[in-house]
Amino acid sequence: MAKGEAQKHAACVHDCRPQEDVWRFLADPSNLPRWDKSVAEVEVNETTPPGVGFAFTTVGYPGSGPDRGRMTYRVTQADLEARDCRAELISRTGNARFMAPLSGASEWKIGRKEHE
């Protein structure tokens, strides 16, 4: 991979639970520490309502880097009926400093993947 080239990380999880339950769990940022082992806690910006514009910060464990690896995200797309949500990394400190040169490459997508 060339310097400055975006990396893409993806995961596919198969679960027997109802899709609505899985979507509700993954779409709630407070659950991040339960499925992302690098996140110790989540700070929610209480001034932004859920949906597009909603902001939250992930915080790593002590010793996980400057400012405990804090990374702040903002929801850029939310389609609850289609179960599709995207959040963009908006901070440039903490562990986000590693992603800062990759403008536009730091995005989360939570959604359904149709079987091929």
Protein backbone atom coordinates (compact mmCIF):
# COMPACT_ATOMS: atom_id res chain seq x y z
CA MET A 1 0.00 0.00 0.00
CA ALA A 2 1.36 3.41 -0.97
CA LYS A 3 1.86 6.11 1.64
CA GLY A 4 -1.36 8.09 2.11
CA GLU A 5 -3.47 5.40 0.45
CA ALA A 6 -6.69 4.63 2.29
CA GLN A 7 -7.07 1.34 4.10
CA LYS A 8 -10.40 -0.42 4.19
CA HIS A 9 -11.30 -2.61 7.12
CA ALA A 10 -14.50 -4.60 7.01
CA ALA A 11 -16.15 -7.25 9.12
CA CYS A 12 -19.15 -9.44 8.53
CA VAL A 13 -20.96 -10.91 11.51
CA HIS A 14 -23.51 -13.70 11.27
CA ASP A 15 -26.04 -13.63 14.06
CA CYS A 16 -29.25 -15.58 14.63
CA ARG A 17 -30.94 -12.72 16.46
CA PRO A 18 -33.68 -10.69 14.80
CA GLN A 19 -32.25 -8.03 12.48
CA GLU A 20 -34.04 -5.27 14.39
CA ASP A 21 -32.28 -6.27 17.64
CA VAL A 22 -28.87 -6.38 15.95
CA TRP A 23 -29.43 -3.01 14.24
CA ARG A 24 -30.56 -1.37 17.48
CA PHE A 25 -27.47 -2.73 19.30
CA LEU A 26 -24.95 -1.65 16.63
CA ALA A 27 -26.54 1.73 16.00
CA ASP A 28 -26.24 2.77 19.67
CA PRO A 29 -22.75 4.25 20.26
CA SER A 30 -22.94 3.41 23.98
CA ASN A 31 -22.56 -0.26 22.98
CA LEU A 32 -19.21 0.29 21.24
CA PRO A 33 -17.14 -0.93 24.23
CA ARG A 34 -19.07 -4.21 24.08
CA TRP A 35 -17.94 -5.02 20.51
CA ASP A 36 -14.81 -2.90 19.85
CA LYS A 37 -12.08 -4.04 22.24
CA SER A 38 -10.08 -0.82 21.71
CA VAL A 39 -12.90 1.33 23.15
CA ALA A 40 -13.19 1.66 26.93
CA GLU A 41 -16.01 4.20 26.95
CA VAL A 42 -18.06 6.51 24.75
CA GLU A 43 -18.75 10.17 25.38
CA VAL A 44 -21.96 11.38 23.76
CA ASN A 45 -22.47 15.00 22.73
CA GLU A 46 -25.75 15.76 24.49
CA THR A 47 -26.28 18.91 22.37
CA THR A 48 -26.89 16.95 19.18
CA PRO A 49 -29.97 14.74 18.78
CA PRO A 50 -29.66 11.23 17.30
CA GLY A 51 -29.52 11.15 13.51
CA VAL A 52 -27.49 13.14 10.99
CA GLY A 53 -25.20 15.55 12.85
CA PHE A 54 -25.09 13.45 16.04
CA ALA A 55 -21.56 13.40 17.50
CA PHE A 56 -19.83 10.97 19.85
CA THR A 57 -16.28 10.33 21.05
CA THR A 58 -14.65 6.96 21.61
CA VAL A 59 -12.13 6.77 24.45
CA GLY A 60 -9.48 4.08 24.75
CA TYR A 61 -7.99 2.49 27.84
CA PRO A 62 -5.31 4.21 29.95
CA GLY A 63 -2.02 3.99 28.06
CA SER A 64 -3.71 3.74 24.66
CA GLY A 65 -2.07 6.91 23.39
CA PRO A 66 -2.33 10.67 23.75
CA ASP A 67 -5.60 11.74 25.30
CA ARG A 68 -6.47 8.03 25.76
CA GLY A 69 -6.84 7.66 22.02
CA ARG A 70 -9.97 9.83 21.84
CA MET A 71 -11.60 9.92 18.40
CA THR A 72 -14.71 11.97 17.64
CA TYR A 73 -17.23 10.98 14.98
CA ARG A 74 -20.27 12.70 13.46
CA VAL A 75 -23.17 10.84 11.82
CA THR A 76 -23.29 11.87 8.16
CA GLN A 77 -26.02 9.55 6.93
CA ALA A 78 -28.85 7.75 8.71
CA ASP A 79 -31.60 5.81 7.02
CA LEU A 80 -33.38 3.89 9.75
CA GLU A 81 -35.75 2.09 7.38
CA ALA A 82 -32.87 0.80 5.24
CA ARG A 83 -30.81 0.16 8.40
CA ASP A 84 -27.91 2.16 6.98
CA CYS A 85 -25.78 4.56 9.00
CA ARG A 86 -22.45 6.27 8.33
CA ALA A 87 -20.25 8.22 10.72
CA GLU A 88 -17.23 10.30 9.73
CA LEU A 89 -14.14 10.78 11.90
CA ILE A 90 -13.96 14.52 12.63
CA SER A 91 -11.17 14.75 15.22
CA ARG A 92 -7.46 14.93 14.45
CA THR A 93 -6.02 14.22 17.90
CA GLY A 94 -5.67 11.05 19.99
CA ASN A 95 -5.49 7.97 17.77
CA ALA A 96 -7.16 9.97 14.97
CA ARG A 97 -3.76 11.55 14.30
CA PHE A 98 -2.84 8.35 12.45
CA MET A 99 -5.82 8.79 10.12
CA ALA A 100 -5.61 12.56 9.58
CA PRO A 101 -3.62 12.28 6.31
CA LEU A 102 -6.29 9.97 4.90
CA SER A 103 -8.90 12.64 4.25
CA GLY A 104 -12.29 11.09 3.63
CA ALA A 105 -11.03 7.61 4.44
CA SER A 106 -12.10 7.54 8.07
CA GLU A 107 -15.72 6.53 7.93
CA TRP A 108 -17.78 3.88 9.69
CA LYS A 109 -20.67 2.19 7.97
CA ILE A 110 -23.21 0.08 9.78
CA GLY A 111 -25.75 -1.60 7.58
CA ARG A 112 -27.06 -4.77 6.08
CA LYS A 113 -25.24 -6.71 3.42
CA GLU A 114 -27.43 -8.69 1.11
CA HIS A 115 -26.38 -12.31 0.58
CA GLU A 116 -24.55 -12.81 -2.69
